Amino acid sequence: MADTKKIADKAERKKLKRTARKKAAPKAKRTTPRGSQKQKVKKLARGQSKR
């Protein structure tokens, strides 16, 4: 991504970012599923409510 910190004009900054995005090499496909490192939530006890 191009460094656009010095450009104050929003439209100009956007234009530069878009061109940089088009030039960048495409990202590789994911090898692991998204969120696989996330901590899994345990199922709560079913049936009678706790309170």
C-alpha atoms as a PDB file:
ATOM      1  CA  MET A   1       0.000   0.000   0.000  1.00  0.00           C
ATOM      2  CA  ALA A   2       1.304   3.434  -0.868  1.00  0.00           C
ATOM      3  CA  ASP A   3       2.294   5.794   1.937  1.00  0.00           C
ATOM      4  CA  THR A   4      -0.431   8.470   1.898  1.00  0.00           C
ATOM      5  CA  LYS A   5       0.135  10.149   5.259  1.00  0.00           C
ATOM      6  CA  LYS A   6       1.472  13.360   3.725  1.00  0.00           C
ATOM      7  CA  ILE A   7      -1.475  13.868   1.338  1.00  0.00           C
ATOM      8  CA  ALA A   8      -4.221  15.985   2.902  1.00  0.00           C
ATOM      9  CA  ASP A   9      -6.752  15.792   0.055  1.00  0.00           C
ATOM     10  CA  LYS A  10      -9.063  12.843   0.675  1.00  0.00           C
ATOM     11  CA  ALA A  11      -9.956  12.224  -2.978  1.00  0.00           C
ATOM     12  CA  GLU A  12      -6.313  12.285  -4.036  1.00  0.00           C
ATOM     13  CA  ARG A  13      -5.382   9.877  -1.248  1.00  0.00           C
ATOM     14  CA  LYS A  14      -8.158   7.506  -2.281  1.00  0.00           C
ATOM     15  CA  LYS A  15      -7.017   7.569  -5.907  1.00  0.00           C
ATOM     16  CA  LEU A  16      -3.439   6.715  -4.933  1.00  0.00           C
ATOM     17  CA  LYS A  17      -4.557   3.863  -2.685  1.00  0.00           C
ATOM     18  CA  ARG A  18      -6.736   2.375  -5.416  1.00  0.00           C
ATOM     19  CA  THR A  19      -3.939   2.394  -7.978  1.00  0.00           C
ATOM     20  CA  ALA A  20      -1.581   0.823  -5.431  1.00  0.00           C
ATOM     21  CA  ARG A  21      -4.142  -1.884  -4.715  1.00  0.00           C
ATOM     22  CA  LYS A  22      -4.475  -2.692  -8.408  1.00  0.00           C
ATOM     23  CA  LYS A  23      -0.691  -2.953  -8.848  1.00  0.00           C
ATOM     24  CA  ALA A  24      -0.186  -5.191  -5.800  1.00  0.00           C
ATOM     25  CA  ALA A  25       0.251  -8.917  -6.338  1.00  0.00           C
ATOM     26  CA  PRO A  26      -2.849 -10.969  -5.524  1.00  0.00           C
ATOM     27  CA  LYS A  27      -2.906 -12.568  -2.111  1.00  0.00           C
ATOM     28  CA  ALA A  28      -2.476 -16.326  -1.877  1.00  0.00           C
ATOM     29  CA  LYS A  29      -5.451 -18.508  -1.024  1.00  0.00           C
ATOM     30  CA  ARG A  30      -5.913 -19.335   2.645  1.00  0.00           C
ATOM     31  CA  THR A  31      -4.339 -22.568   3.848  1.00  0.00           C
ATOM     32  CA  THR A  32      -6.286 -22.670   7.119  1.00  0.00           C
ATOM     33  CA  PRO A  33      -9.917 -21.707   7.604  1.00  0.00           C
ATOM     34  CA  ARG A  34     -10.656 -18.235   8.906  1.00  0.00           C
ATOM     35  CA  GLY A  35     -10.999 -18.055  12.674  1.00  0.00           C
ATOM     36  CA  SER A  36      -9.433 -21.466  13.235  1.00  0.00           C
ATOM     37  CA  GLN A  37      -7.201 -19.985  15.960  1.00  0.00           C
ATOM     38  CA  LYS A  38     -10.169 -18.460  17.770  1.00  0.00           C
ATOM     39  CA  GLN A  39     -11.035 -19.883  21.149  1.00  0.00           C
ATOM     40  CA  LYS A  40     -14.087 -22.095  20.911  1.00  0.00           C
ATOM     41  CA  VAL A  41     -17.088 -21.330  23.125  1.00  0.00           C
ATOM     42  CA  LYS A  42     -18.343 -24.168  25.299  1.00  0.00           C
ATOM     43  CA  LYS A  43     -22.049 -24.962  25.073  1.00  0.00           C
ATOM     44  CA  LEU A  44     -23.917 -24.050  28.240  1.00  0.00           C
ATOM     45  CA  ALA A  45     -25.918 -26.641  30.142  1.00  0.00           C
ATOM     46  CA  ARG A  46     -29.271 -27.175  28.499  1.00  0.00           C
ATOM     47  CA  GLY A  47     -32.619 -27.491  30.218  1.00  0.00           C
ATOM     48  CA  GLN A  48     -33.348 -25.808  33.506  1.00  0.00           C
ATOM     49  CA  SER A  49     -32.248 -22.187  33.690  1.00  0.00           C
ATOM     50  CA  LYS A  50     -29.380 -21.368  35.987  1.00  0.00           C
ATOM     51  CA  ARG A  51     -31.195 -18.519  37.747  1.00  0.00           C
END
